[in-house]
Amino acid sequence: MPIRILLADDHTIVLQGLSRFLREQEDMEVVGQAKDGLATVALARELSPDIVIMDISMPGLSGVEATRQIHNEKPKIGIIGLSMHAAKRYVQEMYRAGARGYLLKDCDFDELMAAIRAVAAGSTYFAGEFATIVASETERGSAARGG
């Protein structure tokens, strides 16, 4: 059964390019596309994809808030942030909202495929230096809970 993917980005060329590439993968299927956060949340509710590839900066509802809403309603959906934002705060916000992966838009398709497959299998995928940020967030959360 293919990995069912919902794409969320406010740039048509990004949606078209990702969709075209993902459709070439035998183990992946694009089930929907959204150009803003509100539409992304609505489609996630309706389609229950395995993975959402989420842009951070979108009109109507940010990718961070859309991630939070989807994660709260359907925590089994794996959300991967795909953004031009490399700042630590964006990674932290996405992680806290429930994202299980984060990559920059300048990554290559092989890395995106690795992230999709890892998150679909129940793991996380935070590229490069983002893994360190997430590790410190996890440690901070454990310390706050007394563990």
N, C-alpha and C. Protein backbone atom coordinates (compact mmCIF):
# COMPACT_ATOMS: atom_id res chain seq x y z
N MET A 1 0.84 -1.18 0.00
CA MET A 1 0.00 0.00 0.00
C MET A 1 0.89 1.25 0.00
N PRO A 2 0.65 2.18 -0.92
CA PRO A 2 1.53 3.36 -1.01
C PRO A 2 1.36 4.31 0.17
N ILE A 3 2.39 5.10 0.42
CA ILE A 3 2.34 6.16 1.43
C ILE A 3 1.49 7.28 0.84
N ARG A 4 0.42 7.63 1.54
CA ARG A 4 -0.52 8.65 1.07
C ARG A 4 -0.07 10.02 1.58
N ILE A 5 0.15 10.96 0.64
CA ILE A 5 0.77 12.24 0.97
C ILE A 5 -0.14 13.40 0.60
N LEU A 6 -0.25 14.36 1.53
CA LEU A 6 -0.91 15.63 1.30
C LEU A 6 0.17 16.70 1.23
N LEU A 7 0.15 17.51 0.19
CA LEU A 7 1.14 18.59 0.02
C LEU A 7 0.51 19.92 0.39
N ALA A 8 1.23 20.73 1.15
CA ALA A 8 0.75 22.05 1.56
C ALA A 8 1.82 23.09 1.31
N ASP A 9 1.57 23.98 0.35
CA ASP A 9 2.51 25.05 0.03
C ASP A 9 1.74 26.12 -0.73
N ASP A 10 2.04 27.38 -0.48
CA ASP A 10 1.31 28.44 -1.16
C ASP A 10 1.90 28.80 -2.53
N HIS A 11 2.93 28.10 -2.96
CA HIS A 11 3.52 28.34 -4.28
C HIS A 11 3.16 27.20 -5.23
N THR A 12 2.46 27.54 -6.30
CA THR A 12 1.98 26.55 -7.27
C THR A 12 3.11 25.73 -7.84
N ILE A 13 4.22 26.36 -8.18
CA ILE A 13 5.33 25.62 -8.80
C ILE A 13 5.91 24.58 -7.84
N VAL A 14 5.93 24.89 -6.55
CA VAL A 14 6.41 23.92 -5.56
C VAL A 14 5.45 22.74 -5.50
N LEU A 15 4.16 23.02 -5.43
CA LEU A 15 3.16 21.95 -5.39
C LEU A 15 3.26 21.07 -6.63
N GLN A 16 3.35 21.70 -7.80
CA GLN A 16 3.40 20.94 -9.05
C GLN A 16 4.68 20.12 -9.13
N GLY A 17 5.81 20.71 -8.76
CA GLY A 17 7.08 20.00 -8.83
C GLY A 17 7.14 18.82 -7.87
N LEU A 18 6.74 19.05 -6.63
CA LEU A 18 6.73 17.96 -5.65
C LEU A 18 5.76 16.86 -6.07
N SER A 19 4.59 17.26 -6.51
CA SER A 19 3.58 16.28 -6.91
C SER A 19 4.08 15.42 -8.05
N ARG A 20 4.66 16.04 -9.04
CA ARG A 20 5.16 15.31 -10.20
C ARG A 20 6.26 14.33 -9.78
N PHE A 21 7.16 14.79 -8.94
CA PHE A 21 8.25 13.92 -8.50
C PHE A 21 7.73 12.76 -7.64
N LEU A 22 6.85 13.06 -6.71
CA LEU A 22 6.34 12.02 -5.82
C LEU A 22 5.54 10.96 -6.57
N ARG A 23 4.86 11.37 -7.62
CA ARG A 23 4.08 10.42 -8.41
C ARG A 23 4.97 9.42 -9.15
N GLU A 24 6.25 9.75 -9.29
CA GLU A 24 7.19 8.82 -9.91
C GLU A 24 7.66 7.73 -8.94
N GLN A 25 7.38 7.90 -7.66
CA GLN A 25 7.79 6.94 -6.65
C GLN A 25 6.74 5.84 -6.55
N GLU A 26 7.16 4.60 -6.68
CA GLU A 26 6.22 3.49 -6.67
C GLU A 26 5.51 3.32 -5.33
N ASP A 27 6.16 3.75 -4.25
CA ASP A 27 5.57 3.55 -2.92
C ASP A 27 4.90 4.79 -2.35
N MET A 28 4.61 5.77 -3.22
CA MET A 28 4.00 7.02 -2.75
C MET A 28 2.85 7.44 -3.66
N GLU A 29 1.87 8.10 -3.03
CA GLU A 29 0.71 8.59 -3.76
C GLU A 29 0.33 9.96 -3.21
N VAL A 30 0.22 10.96 -4.08
CA VAL A 30 -0.24 12.28 -3.66
C VAL A 30 -1.77 12.26 -3.67
N VAL A 31 -2.37 12.45 -2.49
CA VAL A 31 -3.82 12.38 -2.38
C VAL A 31 -4.48 13.75 -2.35
N GLY A 32 -3.69 14.81 -2.17
CA GLY A 32 -4.26 16.14 -2.15
C GLY A 32 -3.20 17.22 -2.10
N GLN A 33 -3.64 18.44 -2.42
CA GLN A 33 -2.77 19.61 -2.39
C GLN A 33 -3.56 20.78 -1.81
N ALA A 34 -2.88 21.59 -1.01
CA ALA A 34 -3.51 22.77 -0.41
C ALA A 34 -2.55 23.95 -0.52
N LYS A 35 -3.14 25.15 -0.68
CA LYS A 35 -2.33 26.35 -0.83
C LYS A 35 -2.39 27.27 0.39
N ASP A 36 -3.10 26.85 1.44
CA ASP A 36 -3.12 27.63 2.68
C ASP A 36 -3.37 26.69 3.85
N GLY A 37 -3.15 27.21 5.05
CA GLY A 37 -3.25 26.38 6.23
C GLY A 37 -4.65 25.86 6.51
N LEU A 38 -5.66 26.68 6.30
CA LEU A 38 -7.04 26.25 6.55
C LEU A 38 -7.43 25.09 5.63
N ALA A 39 -7.08 25.20 4.36
CA ALA A 39 -7.38 24.13 3.41
C ALA A 39 -6.61 22.86 3.76
N THR A 40 -5.39 23.03 4.26
CA THR A 40 -4.59 21.87 4.65
C THR A 40 -5.25 21.11 5.79
N VAL A 41 -5.71 21.83 6.80
CA VAL A 41 -6.38 21.19 7.94
C VAL A 41 -7.65 20.48 7.46
N ALA A 42 -8.43 21.15 6.62
CA ALA A 42 -9.67 20.55 6.11
C ALA A 42 -9.38 19.28 5.31
N LEU A 43 -8.37 19.33 4.44
CA LEU A 43 -8.04 18.15 3.64
C LEU A 43 -7.47 17.02 4.49
N ALA A 44 -6.70 17.38 5.52
CA ALA A 44 -6.17 16.34 6.41
C ALA A 44 -7.31 15.62 7.12
N ARG A 45 -8.32 16.37 7.54
CA ARG A 45 -9.50 15.77 8.17
C ARG A 45 -10.22 14.83 7.20
N GLU A 46 -10.40 15.31 5.98
CA GLU A 46 -11.17 14.58 4.98
C GLU A 46 -10.42 13.36 4.44
N LEU A 47 -9.13 13.51 4.15
CA LEU A 47 -8.38 12.47 3.44
C LEU A 47 -7.59 11.53 4.35
N SER A 48 -7.31 11.94 5.58
CA SER A 48 -6.47 11.17 6.50
C SER A 48 -5.23 10.60 5.82
N PRO A 49 -4.36 11.49 5.31
CA PRO A 49 -3.14 11.00 4.67
C PRO A 49 -2.19 10.40 5.71
N ASP A 50 -1.20 9.68 5.22
CA ASP A 50 -0.16 9.16 6.12
C ASP A 50 0.81 10.27 6.49
N ILE A 51 1.08 11.15 5.51
CA ILE A 51 2.09 12.21 5.64
C ILE A 51 1.53 13.52 5.10
N VAL A 52 1.85 14.62 5.79
CA VAL A 52 1.62 15.96 5.26
C VAL A 52 2.98 16.62 5.12
N ILE A 53 3.28 17.10 3.92
CA ILE A 53 4.48 17.91 3.69
C ILE A 53 4.02 19.35 3.84
N MET A 54 4.48 20.03 4.90
CA MET A 54 3.91 21.31 5.32
C MET A 54 4.89 22.47 5.17
N ASP A 55 4.50 23.46 4.38
CA ASP A 55 5.24 24.72 4.34
C ASP A 55 4.94 25.48 5.63
N ILE A 56 5.85 26.32 6.05
CA ILE A 56 5.65 27.07 7.30
C ILE A 56 4.87 28.35 7.04
N SER A 57 5.25 29.09 6.01
CA SER A 57 4.64 30.39 5.72
C SER A 57 3.54 30.23 4.67
N MET A 58 2.31 30.22 5.17
CA MET A 58 1.16 30.12 4.26
C MET A 58 0.10 31.11 4.70
N PRO A 59 -0.74 31.56 3.77
CA PRO A 59 -1.80 32.51 4.14
C PRO A 59 -2.91 31.83 4.95
N GLY A 60 -3.66 32.66 5.66
CA GLY A 60 -4.83 32.17 6.39
C GLY A 60 -4.49 31.56 7.73
N LEU A 61 -3.66 30.55 7.71
CA LEU A 61 -3.27 29.83 8.92
C LEU A 61 -1.84 29.36 8.67
N SER A 62 -0.93 29.68 9.56
CA SER A 62 0.47 29.31 9.34
C SER A 62 0.64 27.79 9.34
N GLY A 63 1.73 27.34 8.78
CA GLY A 63 2.04 25.92 8.80
C GLY A 63 2.20 25.39 10.22
N VAL A 64 2.69 26.22 11.11
CA VAL A 64 2.85 25.81 12.51
C VAL A 64 1.48 25.55 13.13
N GLU A 65 0.55 26.50 12.96
CA GLU A 65 -0.78 26.32 13.54
C GLU A 65 -1.55 25.19 12.86
N ALA A 66 -1.39 25.05 11.55
CA ALA A 66 -2.03 23.94 10.84
C ALA A 66 -1.48 22.61 11.36
N THR A 67 -0.18 22.56 11.59
CA THR A 67 0.44 21.35 12.15
C THR A 67 -0.16 21.04 13.51
N ARG A 68 -0.27 22.05 14.36
CA ARG A 68 -0.82 21.87 15.72
C ARG A 68 -2.25 21.30 15.64
N GLN A 69 -3.07 21.88 14.78
CA GLN A 69 -4.46 21.43 14.68
C GLN A 69 -4.55 20.00 14.15
N ILE A 70 -3.79 19.71 13.11
CA ILE A 70 -3.82 18.35 12.55
C ILE A 70 -3.31 17.35 13.58
N HIS A 71 -2.20 17.68 14.23
CA HIS A 71 -1.63 16.76 15.22
C HIS A 71 -2.60 16.51 16.39
N ASN A 72 -3.28 17.55 16.84
CA ASN A 72 -4.23 17.40 17.94
C ASN A 72 -5.42 16.53 17.55
N GLU A 73 -5.87 16.65 16.31
CA GLU A 73 -7.05 15.91 15.86
C GLU A 73 -6.70 14.51 15.34
N LYS A 74 -5.58 14.40 14.67
CA LYS A 74 -5.19 13.14 14.04
C LYS A 74 -3.70 12.90 14.25
N PRO A 75 -3.31 12.51 15.47
CA PRO A 75 -1.89 12.39 15.81
C PRO A 75 -1.13 11.32 15.02
N LYS A 76 -1.83 10.41 14.36
CA LYS A 76 -1.14 9.39 13.57
C LYS A 76 -0.61 9.92 12.24
N ILE A 77 -1.12 11.08 11.81
CA ILE A 77 -0.61 11.69 10.57
C ILE A 77 0.78 12.24 10.84
N GLY A 78 1.75 11.82 10.04
CA GLY A 78 3.11 12.32 10.17
C GLY A 78 3.28 13.62 9.41
N ILE A 79 3.73 14.65 10.09
CA ILE A 79 3.88 15.96 9.45
C ILE A 79 5.35 16.29 9.34
N ILE A 80 5.76 16.67 8.13
CA ILE A 80 7.14 17.06 7.84
C ILE A 80 7.14 18.51 7.39
N GLY A 81 7.84 19.36 8.14
CA GLY A 81 8.00 20.74 7.72
C GLY A 81 9.00 20.81 6.57
N LEU A 82 8.62 21.51 5.52
CA LEU A 82 9.52 21.75 4.39
C LEU A 82 9.49 23.25 4.15
N SER A 83 10.58 23.91 4.51
CA SER A 83 10.56 25.36 4.58
C SER A 83 11.87 25.98 4.10
N MET A 84 11.79 27.27 3.82
CA MET A 84 13.00 28.04 3.52
C MET A 84 13.60 28.57 4.81
N HIS A 85 12.87 28.45 5.93
CA HIS A 85 13.30 29.00 7.22
C HIS A 85 14.25 28.04 7.95
N ALA A 86 15.48 28.49 8.15
CA ALA A 86 16.48 27.68 8.84
C ALA A 86 16.65 28.08 10.30
N ALA A 87 15.98 29.15 10.72
CA ALA A 87 16.13 29.63 12.10
C ALA A 87 15.63 28.59 13.10
N LYS A 88 16.35 28.51 14.20
CA LYS A 88 16.07 27.54 15.26
C LYS A 88 14.61 27.62 15.74
N ARG A 89 14.08 28.82 15.85
CA ARG A 89 12.73 28.99 16.39
C ARG A 89 11.66 28.32 15.54
N TYR A 90 11.85 28.28 14.22
CA TYR A 90 10.86 27.62 13.35
C TYR A 90 10.87 26.11 13.57
N VAL A 91 12.05 25.56 13.70
CA VAL A 91 12.16 24.12 13.95
C VAL A 91 11.53 23.79 15.30
N GLN A 92 11.83 24.59 16.32
CA GLN A 92 11.26 24.38 17.64
C GLN A 92 9.74 24.48 17.61
N GLU A 93 9.22 25.49 16.94
CA GLU A 93 7.77 25.68 16.87
C GLU A 93 7.10 24.50 16.16
N MET A 94 7.69 24.05 15.08
CA MET A 94 7.10 22.91 14.35
C MET A 94 7.16 21.64 15.19
N TYR A 95 8.27 21.42 15.86
CA TYR A 95 8.42 20.24 16.70
C TYR A 95 7.39 20.27 17.84
N ARG A 96 7.27 21.42 18.50
CA ARG A 96 6.30 21.56 19.60
C ARG A 96 4.86 21.39 19.11
N ALA A 97 4.61 21.77 17.86
CA ALA A 97 3.27 21.65 17.29
C ALA A 97 2.94 20.20 16.90
N GLY A 98 3.98 19.35 16.80
CA GLY A 98 3.73 17.95 16.51
C GLY A 98 4.39 17.42 15.25
N ALA A 99 5.20 18.24 14.58
CA ALA A 99 5.89 17.75 13.38
C ALA A 99 6.89 16.68 13.75
N ARG A 100 7.04 15.69 12.89
CA ARG A 100 8.00 14.61 13.11
C ARG A 100 9.18 14.70 12.16
N GLY A 101 9.24 15.78 11.39
CA GLY A 101 10.37 15.98 10.49
C GLY A 101 10.46 17.44 10.09
N TYR A 102 11.66 17.84 9.63
CA TYR A 102 11.87 19.21 9.18
C TYR A 102 13.05 19.22 8.24
N LEU A 103 12.83 19.79 7.05
CA LEU A 103 13.88 19.93 6.05
C LEU A 103 13.79 21.32 5.43
N LEU A 104 14.89 21.76 4.87
CA LEU A 104 14.88 23.01 4.13
C LEU A 104 14.52 22.74 2.67
N LYS A 105 13.95 23.73 2.03
CA LYS A 105 13.54 23.57 0.63
C LYS A 105 14.73 23.42 -0.31
N ASP A 106 15.92 23.67 0.16
CA ASP A 106 17.08 23.46 -0.71
C ASP A 106 17.65 22.04 -0.59
N CYS A 107 16.96 21.15 0.13
CA CYS A 107 17.41 19.76 0.22
C CYS A 107 17.20 19.08 -1.14
N ASP A 108 17.84 17.94 -1.33
CA ASP A 108 17.60 17.22 -2.58
C ASP A 108 16.44 16.24 -2.39
N PHE A 109 15.91 15.76 -3.51
CA PHE A 109 14.74 14.88 -3.45
C PHE A 109 15.03 13.59 -2.70
N ASP A 110 16.25 13.07 -2.80
CA ASP A 110 16.58 11.84 -2.07
C ASP A 110 16.41 12.02 -0.57
N GLU A 111 16.81 13.18 -0.06
CA GLU A 111 16.65 13.43 1.37
C GLU A 111 15.17 13.54 1.74
N LEU A 112 14.39 14.20 0.90
CA LEU A 112 12.96 14.29 1.16
C LEU A 112 12.33 12.90 1.15
N MET A 113 12.74 12.05 0.21
CA MET A 113 12.21 10.68 0.16
C MET A 113 12.57 9.91 1.43
N ALA A 114 13.80 10.09 1.90
CA ALA A 114 14.24 9.43 3.13
C ALA A 114 13.39 9.90 4.30
N ALA A 115 13.11 11.20 4.36
CA ALA A 115 12.30 11.75 5.45
C ALA A 115 10.88 11.20 5.40
N ILE A 116 10.28 11.17 4.22
CA ILE A 116 8.91 10.65 4.08
C ILE A 116 8.85 9.19 4.52
N ARG A 117 9.80 8.40 4.06
CA ARG A 117 9.79 6.97 4.42
C ARG A 117 10.03 6.76 5.91
N ALA A 118 10.93 7.55 6.50
CA ALA A 118 11.21 7.42 7.93
C ALA A 118 9.98 7.78 8.76
N VAL A 119 9.37 8.90 8.45
CA VAL A 119 8.21 9.34 9.22
C VAL A 119 7.03 8.39 9.01
N ALA A 120 6.85 7.91 7.79
CA ALA A 120 5.77 6.94 7.52
C ALA A 120 5.97 5.65 8.30
N ALA A 121 7.23 5.31 8.59
CA ALA A 121 7.55 4.10 9.35
C ALA A 121 7.50 4.33 10.86
N GLY A 122 7.16 5.56 11.28
CA GLY A 122 7.03 5.84 12.70
C GLY A 122 8.22 6.52 13.34
N SER A 123 9.23 6.83 12.56
CA SER A 123 10.42 7.51 13.10
C SER A 123 10.29 9.02 12.90
N THR A 124 11.36 9.72 13.20
CA THR A 124 11.44 11.16 12.94
C THR A 124 12.57 11.40 11.95
N TYR A 125 12.55 12.59 11.33
CA TYR A 125 13.63 12.95 10.42
C TYR A 125 13.81 14.46 10.48
N PHE A 126 14.83 14.87 11.21
CA PHE A 126 15.19 16.28 11.28
C PHE A 126 16.57 16.42 10.68
N ALA A 127 16.65 17.10 9.54
CA ALA A 127 17.87 17.19 8.77
C ALA A 127 18.99 17.91 9.52
N GLY A 128 20.20 17.38 9.39
CA GLY A 128 21.42 18.03 9.86
C GLY A 128 21.34 18.63 11.24
N GLU A 129 21.58 19.94 11.29
CA GLU A 129 21.64 20.65 12.57
C GLU A 129 20.29 20.69 13.28
N PHE A 130 19.21 20.43 12.57
CA PHE A 130 17.89 20.44 13.19
C PHE A 130 17.74 19.28 14.19
N ALA A 131 18.46 18.20 13.97
CA ALA A 131 18.40 17.06 14.90
C ALA A 131 18.89 17.48 16.28
N THR A 132 19.91 18.32 16.33
CA THR A 132 20.44 18.82 17.60
C THR A 132 19.41 19.69 18.31
N ILE A 133 18.71 20.52 17.56
CA ILE A 133 17.68 21.39 18.13
C ILE A 133 16.56 20.55 18.74
N VAL A 134 16.14 19.52 18.02
CA VAL A 134 15.07 18.65 18.50
C VAL A 134 15.53 17.86 19.73
N ALA A 135 16.78 17.42 19.72
CA ALA A 135 17.30 16.68 20.88
C ALA A 135 17.28 17.57 22.12
N SER A 136 17.65 18.84 21.97
CA SER A 136 17.63 19.73 23.14
C SER A 136 16.20 20.01 23.58
N GLU A 137 15.26 20.09 22.64
CA GLU A 137 13.84 20.26 22.98
C GLU A 137 13.34 19.05 23.76
N THR A 138 13.73 17.86 23.32
CA THR A 138 13.30 16.62 23.98
C THR A 138 13.87 16.56 25.39
N GLU A 139 15.15 16.92 25.54
CA GLU A 139 15.77 16.93 26.87
C GLU A 139 15.09 17.94 27.78
N ARG A 140 14.78 19.12 27.24
CA ARG A 140 14.12 20.17 28.02
C ARG A 140 12.75 19.68 28.47
N GLY A 141 12.01 19.00 27.59
CA GLY A 141 10.70 18.46 27.94
C GLY A 141 10.79 17.40 29.00
N SER A 142 11.80 16.53 28.93
CA SER A 142 11.99 15.48 29.95
C SER A 142 12.31 16.11 31.30
N ALA A 143 13.16 17.12 31.31
CA ALA A 143 13.53 17.79 32.55
C ALA A 143 12.32 18.48 33.18
N ALA A 144 11.47 19.09 32.35
CA ALA A 144 10.29 19.78 32.85
C ALA A 144 9.28 18.80 33.46
N ARG A 145 9.27 17.58 32.93
CA ARG A 145 8.34 16.56 33.45
C ARG A 145 8.98 15.78 34.60
N GLY A 146 10.20 16.13 34.97
CA GLY A 146 10.86 15.45 36.07
C GLY A 146 11.49 14.13 35.68
N GLY A 147 11.81 13.99 34.39
CA GLY A 147 12.38 12.73 33.94
C GLY A 147 13.61 12.96 33.26
